[in-house]
Amino acid sequence: MGPVLEIGDRFIRQVYILTICLTIVVGAVLLGFKRPALPSFLIGSAISLSLFWSIEFAVRRLIQPGKTKRTKYLFGFVAIGKYTVLGVLLYFLFKMEWMNIYAFAGGIVLVQGAIIIKAVVLLMSILSNKGSNQL
């Protein structure tokens, strides 16, 4: 039997690593060629990573049996804290007139791009293993 398409902790960790690497590479390119777009991109990337982290955090807590009131309070604290920080970042982005909508959108879609890249690489490795098994 060939490899199974499985998405687990290792896949999520690899998405985090790939997203951070993409942020560094794209940030370096923006620093060299389009410096005013860098803050928008970095804030968009931070928002994207925080949304991905909060979804992962919520799913892990909801799947565990025996949810308590402490878990609900923890969800509330994470949500309020996260959106407060993101709101302050967006306020400064607009207040300092650093907003570049294209760079911001690029930062927002960074995690989705990393997930797509990881899924394509995983699919290609499965297909190459399947093809080599048939020979």
N, C-alpha and C. Protein backbone atom coordinates (compact mmCIF):
# COMPACT_ATOMS: atom_id res chain seq x y z
N MET A 1 0.85 -1.18 0.00
CA MET A 1 0.00 0.00 0.00
C MET A 1 0.89 1.24 0.00
N GLY A 2 0.55 2.24 -0.80
CA GLY A 2 1.34 3.45 -0.96
C GLY A 2 1.14 4.41 0.19
N PRO A 3 1.82 5.53 0.14
CA PRO A 3 1.70 6.54 1.21
C PRO A 3 0.29 7.13 1.25
N VAL A 4 -0.10 7.52 2.41
CA VAL A 4 -1.43 8.07 2.62
C VAL A 4 -1.32 9.58 2.78
N LEU A 5 -2.26 10.30 2.18
CA LEU A 5 -2.30 11.74 2.34
C LEU A 5 -2.76 12.04 3.75
N GLU A 6 -1.85 12.55 4.56
CA GLU A 6 -2.13 12.78 5.96
C GLU A 6 -1.69 14.18 6.35
N ILE A 7 -2.57 14.91 6.99
CA ILE A 7 -2.25 16.26 7.43
C ILE A 7 -2.32 16.25 8.94
N GLY A 8 -1.18 16.45 9.57
CA GLY A 8 -1.11 16.40 11.03
C GLY A 8 -0.22 17.50 11.56
N ASP A 9 0.33 17.25 12.74
CA ASP A 9 1.18 18.24 13.41
C ASP A 9 2.40 18.61 12.58
N ARG A 10 2.99 17.63 11.91
CA ARG A 10 4.17 17.91 11.12
C ARG A 10 3.84 18.85 9.96
N PHE A 11 2.71 18.63 9.33
CA PHE A 11 2.28 19.49 8.22
C PHE A 11 2.06 20.92 8.72
N ILE A 12 1.41 21.08 9.85
CA ILE A 12 1.14 22.42 10.39
C ILE A 12 2.44 23.11 10.76
N ARG A 13 3.36 22.40 11.37
CA ARG A 13 4.67 22.97 11.72
C ARG A 13 5.41 23.39 10.46
N GLN A 14 5.34 22.59 9.41
CA GLN A 14 6.00 22.93 8.15
C GLN A 14 5.36 24.15 7.50
N VAL A 15 4.05 24.31 7.65
CA VAL A 15 3.39 25.50 7.12
C VAL A 15 3.87 26.74 7.86
N TYR A 16 4.01 26.66 9.17
CA TYR A 16 4.55 27.78 9.94
C TYR A 16 5.97 28.14 9.47
N ILE A 17 6.81 27.14 9.34
CA ILE A 17 8.19 27.38 8.92
C ILE A 17 8.24 27.97 7.53
N LEU A 18 7.48 27.41 6.60
CA LEU A 18 7.45 27.92 5.23
C LEU A 18 6.93 29.35 5.19
N THR A 19 5.90 29.64 5.98
CA THR A 19 5.35 30.99 6.00
C THR A 19 6.37 31.99 6.53
N ILE A 20 7.08 31.62 7.58
CA ILE A 20 8.10 32.52 8.13
C ILE A 20 9.23 32.72 7.14
N CYS A 21 9.65 31.64 6.47
CA CYS A 21 10.70 31.78 5.45
C CYS A 21 10.23 32.65 4.29
N LEU A 22 8.99 32.46 3.84
CA LEU A 22 8.45 33.30 2.77
C LEU A 22 8.36 34.76 3.20
N THR A 23 7.98 34.99 4.45
CA THR A 23 7.92 36.36 4.96
C THR A 23 9.30 37.01 4.93
N ILE A 24 10.31 36.27 5.34
CA ILE A 24 11.67 36.82 5.34
C ILE A 24 12.14 37.10 3.92
N VAL A 25 11.91 36.16 3.01
CA VAL A 25 12.38 36.33 1.63
C VAL A 25 11.65 37.49 0.94
N VAL A 26 10.32 37.50 1.03
CA VAL A 26 9.55 38.57 0.39
C VAL A 26 9.85 39.90 1.07
N GLY A 27 10.02 39.89 2.38
CA GLY A 27 10.38 41.12 3.10
C GLY A 27 11.72 41.67 2.65
N ALA A 28 12.68 40.79 2.42
CA ALA A 28 14.00 41.23 1.93
C ALA A 28 13.90 41.81 0.53
N VAL A 29 13.08 41.18 -0.31
CA VAL A 29 12.88 41.71 -1.66
C VAL A 29 12.21 43.08 -1.60
N LEU A 30 11.19 43.20 -0.76
CA LEU A 30 10.53 44.50 -0.63
C LEU A 30 11.46 45.55 -0.04
N LEU A 31 12.31 45.14 0.87
CA LEU A 31 13.28 46.06 1.46
C LEU A 31 14.22 46.61 0.40
N GLY A 32 14.59 45.77 -0.54
CA GLY A 32 15.50 46.19 -1.58
C GLY A 32 14.84 47.00 -2.69
N PHE A 33 13.60 46.65 -3.05
CA PHE A 33 12.98 47.26 -4.23
C PHE A 33 11.84 48.21 -3.93
N LYS A 34 11.09 47.95 -2.91
CA LYS A 34 9.90 48.77 -2.62
C LYS A 34 9.74 48.94 -1.12
N ARG A 35 10.66 49.67 -0.53
CA ARG A 35 10.73 49.82 0.92
C ARG A 35 9.43 50.32 1.57
N PRO A 36 8.69 51.28 0.98
CA PRO A 36 7.46 51.74 1.65
C PRO A 36 6.39 50.66 1.80
N ALA A 37 6.46 49.60 1.01
CA ALA A 37 5.46 48.53 1.09
C ALA A 37 5.77 47.54 2.21
N LEU A 38 6.97 47.57 2.75
CA LEU A 38 7.39 46.57 3.73
C LEU A 38 6.53 46.55 5.00
N PRO A 39 6.22 47.70 5.63
CA PRO A 39 5.37 47.62 6.84
C PRO A 39 4.00 47.01 6.56
N SER A 40 3.39 47.34 5.44
CA SER A 40 2.08 46.77 5.10
C SER A 40 2.17 45.26 4.95
N PHE A 41 3.22 44.80 4.27
CA PHE A 41 3.39 43.37 4.07
C PHE A 41 3.62 42.65 5.39
N LEU A 42 4.47 43.21 6.24
CA LEU A 42 4.78 42.55 7.52
C LEU A 42 3.56 42.50 8.43
N ILE A 43 2.76 43.57 8.43
CA ILE A 43 1.55 43.56 9.26
C ILE A 43 0.53 42.58 8.70
N GLY A 44 0.39 42.52 7.38
CA GLY A 44 -0.50 41.53 6.76
C GLY A 44 -0.05 40.11 7.07
N SER A 45 1.26 39.89 7.04
CA SER A 45 1.80 38.57 7.36
C SER A 45 1.54 38.22 8.83
N ALA A 46 1.70 39.19 9.72
CA ALA A 46 1.42 38.95 11.14
C ALA A 46 -0.05 38.62 11.36
N ILE A 47 -0.93 39.32 10.66
CA ILE A 47 -2.36 39.02 10.77
C ILE A 47 -2.65 37.62 10.27
N SER A 48 -2.07 37.26 9.14
CA SER A 48 -2.29 35.94 8.57
C SER A 48 -1.80 34.84 9.50
N LEU A 49 -0.60 34.99 10.04
CA LEU A 49 -0.08 33.99 10.97
C LEU A 49 -0.91 33.91 12.24
N SER A 50 -1.37 35.06 12.74
CA SER A 50 -2.16 35.03 13.97
C SER A 50 -3.52 34.37 13.75
N LEU A 51 -4.11 34.59 12.59
CA LEU A 51 -5.38 33.93 12.29
C LEU A 51 -5.20 32.42 12.17
N PHE A 52 -4.13 32.00 11.52
CA PHE A 52 -3.84 30.57 11.40
C PHE A 52 -3.59 29.96 12.77
N TRP A 53 -2.80 30.65 13.60
CA TRP A 53 -2.52 30.15 14.93
C TRP A 53 -3.79 30.06 15.77
N SER A 54 -4.65 31.08 15.68
CA SER A 54 -5.87 31.05 16.50
C SER A 54 -6.82 29.94 16.06
N ILE A 55 -6.87 29.67 14.76
CA ILE A 55 -7.70 28.55 14.30
C ILE A 55 -7.14 27.24 14.82
N GLU A 56 -5.83 27.07 14.72
CA GLU A 56 -5.20 25.85 15.23
C GLU A 56 -5.43 25.71 16.74
N PHE A 57 -5.26 26.81 17.46
CA PHE A 57 -5.45 26.82 18.91
C PHE A 57 -6.88 26.43 19.27
N ALA A 58 -7.84 27.02 18.59
CA ALA A 58 -9.25 26.73 18.89
C ALA A 58 -9.60 25.29 18.57
N VAL A 59 -9.14 24.79 17.45
CA VAL A 59 -9.47 23.41 17.08
C VAL A 59 -8.85 22.43 18.07
N ARG A 60 -7.62 22.67 18.47
CA ARG A 60 -6.99 21.77 19.44
C ARG A 60 -7.73 21.77 20.78
N ARG A 61 -8.20 22.93 21.20
CA ARG A 61 -8.92 23.02 22.48
C ARG A 61 -10.33 22.44 22.38
N LEU A 62 -10.97 22.60 21.23
CA LEU A 62 -12.34 22.10 21.10
C LEU A 62 -12.39 20.59 20.95
N ILE A 63 -11.34 20.01 20.40
CA ILE A 63 -11.32 18.56 20.20
C ILE A 63 -11.09 17.83 21.52
N GLN A 64 -10.38 18.45 22.44
CA GLN A 64 -10.09 17.80 23.72
C GLN A 64 -11.38 17.60 24.52
N PRO A 65 -11.59 16.41 25.04
CA PRO A 65 -12.77 16.21 25.88
C PRO A 65 -12.62 16.91 27.23
N GLY A 66 -13.73 17.21 27.83
CA GLY A 66 -13.71 17.80 29.16
C GLY A 66 -13.44 19.29 29.15
N LYS A 67 -14.06 20.01 28.21
CA LYS A 67 -13.89 21.46 28.19
C LYS A 67 -14.42 22.06 29.48
N THR A 68 -13.73 23.05 29.97
CA THR A 68 -14.14 23.69 31.21
C THR A 68 -14.39 25.17 30.96
N LYS A 69 -14.82 25.86 32.01
CA LYS A 69 -14.99 27.31 31.91
C LYS A 69 -13.66 27.98 31.67
N ARG A 70 -12.60 27.39 32.20
CA ARG A 70 -11.26 27.96 32.00
C ARG A 70 -10.91 28.01 30.51
N THR A 71 -11.30 26.97 29.77
CA THR A 71 -11.06 26.94 28.34
C THR A 71 -11.82 28.06 27.64
N LYS A 72 -13.06 28.30 28.05
CA LYS A 72 -13.84 29.38 27.44
C LYS A 72 -13.21 30.74 27.73
N TYR A 73 -12.75 30.93 28.95
CA TYR A 73 -12.09 32.20 29.30
C TYR A 73 -10.79 32.36 28.52
N LEU A 74 -10.08 31.26 28.33
CA LEU A 74 -8.84 31.30 27.56
C LEU A 74 -9.12 31.70 26.12
N PHE A 75 -10.19 31.15 25.52
CA PHE A 75 -10.59 31.55 24.16
C PHE A 75 -10.89 33.05 24.11
N GLY A 76 -11.63 33.53 25.07
CA GLY A 76 -11.97 34.95 25.11
C GLY A 76 -10.74 35.83 25.24
N PHE A 77 -9.82 35.43 26.10
CA PHE A 77 -8.60 36.20 26.29
C PHE A 77 -7.76 36.24 25.02
N VAL A 78 -7.64 35.10 24.36
CA VAL A 78 -6.87 35.04 23.12
C VAL A 78 -7.53 35.91 22.06
N ALA A 79 -8.84 35.82 21.93
CA ALA A 79 -9.54 36.61 20.92
C ALA A 79 -9.42 38.11 21.19
N ILE A 80 -9.66 38.51 22.41
CA ILE A 80 -9.60 39.94 22.75
C ILE A 80 -8.16 40.45 22.62
N GLY A 81 -7.20 39.69 23.10
CA GLY A 81 -5.81 40.11 23.01
C GLY A 81 -5.32 40.20 21.58
N LYS A 82 -5.68 39.19 20.79
CA LYS A 82 -5.23 39.16 19.40
C LYS A 82 -5.82 40.34 18.62
N TYR A 83 -7.12 40.55 18.75
CA TYR A 83 -7.75 41.62 17.97
C TYR A 83 -7.35 43.00 18.48
N THR A 84 -7.00 43.13 19.73
CA THR A 84 -6.51 44.41 20.25
C THR A 84 -5.16 44.74 19.61
N VAL A 85 -4.26 43.77 19.61
CA VAL A 85 -2.94 43.99 19.00
C VAL A 85 -3.07 44.27 17.51
N LEU A 86 -3.90 43.49 16.82
CA LEU A 86 -4.08 43.71 15.39
C LEU A 86 -4.72 45.07 15.11
N GLY A 87 -5.63 45.48 15.93
CA GLY A 87 -6.24 46.80 15.76
C GLY A 87 -5.23 47.92 15.94
N VAL A 88 -4.36 47.79 16.93
CA VAL A 88 -3.31 48.80 17.14
C VAL A 88 -2.36 48.84 15.95
N LEU A 89 -1.98 47.67 15.44
CA LEU A 89 -1.10 47.62 14.26
C LEU A 89 -1.76 48.29 13.06
N LEU A 90 -3.02 48.00 12.82
CA LEU A 90 -3.73 48.63 11.70
C LEU A 90 -3.89 50.12 11.90
N TYR A 91 -4.12 50.55 13.13
CA TYR A 91 -4.23 51.98 13.42
C TYR A 91 -2.94 52.70 13.02
N PHE A 92 -1.80 52.14 13.46
CA PHE A 92 -0.53 52.78 13.12
C PHE A 92 -0.24 52.72 11.62
N LEU A 93 -0.67 51.64 10.99
CA LEU A 93 -0.47 51.51 9.55
C LEU A 93 -1.19 52.63 8.80
N PHE A 94 -2.41 52.92 9.20
CA PHE A 94 -3.18 53.98 8.55
C PHE A 94 -2.72 55.37 9.02
N LYS A 95 -2.43 55.50 10.30
CA LYS A 95 -2.06 56.79 10.87
C LYS A 95 -0.73 57.29 10.29
N MET A 96 0.23 56.40 10.12
CA MET A 96 1.53 56.79 9.60
C MET A 96 1.54 56.83 8.06
N GLU A 97 0.40 56.55 7.45
CA GLU A 97 0.25 56.54 6.00
C GLU A 97 1.23 55.59 5.32
N TRP A 98 1.39 54.41 5.91
CA TRP A 98 2.25 53.38 5.36
C TRP A 98 1.46 52.35 4.55
N MET A 99 0.16 52.52 4.50
CA MET A 99 -0.69 51.48 3.92
C MET A 99 -0.43 51.32 2.42
N ASN A 100 -0.09 50.11 2.05
CA ASN A 100 0.00 49.70 0.65
C ASN A 100 -0.89 48.48 0.54
N ILE A 101 -2.04 48.64 -0.10
CA ILE A 101 -3.07 47.61 -0.09
C ILE A 101 -2.58 46.31 -0.75
N TYR A 102 -1.75 46.42 -1.78
CA TYR A 102 -1.27 45.21 -2.46
C TYR A 102 -0.29 44.43 -1.58
N ALA A 103 0.60 45.13 -0.92
CA ALA A 103 1.54 44.47 -0.01
C ALA A 103 0.79 43.88 1.19
N PHE A 104 -0.20 44.61 1.69
CA PHE A 104 -1.01 44.12 2.81
C PHE A 104 -1.75 42.84 2.42
N ALA A 105 -2.36 42.84 1.24
CA ALA A 105 -3.07 41.65 0.76
C ALA A 105 -2.10 40.49 0.54
N GLY A 106 -0.90 40.80 0.05
CA GLY A 106 0.11 39.76 -0.11
C GLY A 106 0.50 39.12 1.21
N GLY A 107 0.59 39.93 2.25
CA GLY A 107 0.88 39.39 3.58
C GLY A 107 -0.26 38.55 4.11
N ILE A 108 -1.49 38.99 3.84
CA ILE A 108 -2.67 38.24 4.31
C ILE A 108 -2.74 36.85 3.68
N VAL A 109 -2.43 36.74 2.39
CA VAL A 109 -2.58 35.45 1.71
C VAL A 109 -1.33 34.57 1.84
N LEU A 110 -0.36 35.00 2.61
CA LEU A 110 0.89 34.26 2.72
C LEU A 110 0.68 32.86 3.31
N VAL A 111 -0.11 32.73 4.34
CA VAL A 111 -0.33 31.40 4.94
C VAL A 111 -1.07 30.49 3.96
N GLN A 112 -2.06 31.04 3.27
CA GLN A 112 -2.78 30.23 2.29
C GLN A 112 -1.84 29.77 1.18
N GLY A 113 -0.94 30.65 0.76
CA GLY A 113 0.04 30.27 -0.25
C GLY A 113 0.97 29.18 0.26
N ALA A 114 1.39 29.29 1.51
CA ALA A 114 2.26 28.26 2.09
C ALA A 114 1.53 26.92 2.18
N ILE A 115 0.25 26.95 2.53
CA ILE A 115 -0.53 25.70 2.59
C ILE A 115 -0.64 25.08 1.21
N ILE A 116 -0.90 25.90 0.20
CA ILE A 116 -1.01 25.39 -1.16
C ILE A 116 0.33 24.80 -1.62
N ILE A 117 1.42 25.49 -1.35
CA ILE A 117 2.74 24.98 -1.73
C ILE A 117 3.02 23.65 -1.05
N LYS A 118 2.76 23.55 0.25
CA LYS A 118 2.99 22.30 0.99
C LYS A 118 2.10 21.18 0.45
N ALA A 119 0.84 21.50 0.13
CA ALA A 119 -0.07 20.48 -0.39
C ALA A 119 0.38 19.98 -1.76
N VAL A 120 0.84 20.89 -2.62
CA VAL A 120 1.32 20.48 -3.95
C VAL A 120 2.57 19.62 -3.82
N VAL A 121 3.50 20.01 -2.94
CA VAL A 121 4.71 19.21 -2.74
C VAL A 121 4.35 17.83 -2.20
N LEU A 122 3.44 17.77 -1.26
CA LEU A 122 3.01 16.49 -0.69
C LEU A 122 2.34 15.62 -1.76
N LEU A 123 1.49 16.23 -2.56
CA LEU A 123 0.81 15.49 -3.63
C LEU A 123 1.80 14.99 -4.67
N MET A 124 2.78 15.83 -5.02
CA MET A 124 3.79 15.40 -6.00
C MET A 124 4.63 14.25 -5.46
N SER A 125 4.95 14.28 -4.18
CA SER A 125 5.74 13.17 -3.61
C SER A 125 4.92 11.89 -3.58
N ILE A 126 3.63 12.00 -3.31
CA ILE A 126 2.77 10.81 -3.32
C ILE A 126 2.67 10.25 -4.73
N LEU A 127 2.48 11.14 -5.70
CA LEU A 127 2.37 10.67 -7.09
C LEU A 127 3.68 10.09 -7.60
N SER A 128 4.80 10.67 -7.21
CA SER A 128 6.09 10.11 -7.65
C SER A 128 6.37 8.76 -7.01
N ASN A 129 5.97 8.59 -5.74
CA ASN A 129 6.12 7.28 -5.09
C ASN A 129 5.20 6.24 -5.72
N LYS A 130 4.01 6.66 -6.08
CA LYS A 130 3.05 5.75 -6.72
C LYS A 130 3.57 5.33 -8.08
N GLY A 131 4.15 6.29 -8.83
CA GLY A 131 4.70 5.97 -10.14
C GLY A 131 5.91 5.06 -10.06
N SER A 132 6.76 5.23 -9.07
CA SER A 132 7.94 4.38 -8.93
C SER A 132 7.58 2.98 -8.45
N ASN A 133 6.45 2.85 -7.73
CA ASN A 133 6.02 1.53 -7.28
C ASN A 133 5.46 0.69 -8.42
N GLN A 134 4.95 1.35 -9.46
CA GLN A 134 4.36 0.63 -10.58
C GLN A 134 5.42 0.08 -11.52
N LEU A 135 6.63 0.61 -11.47
CA LEU A 135 7.69 0.13 -12.37
C LEU A 135 8.17 -1.18 -11.94
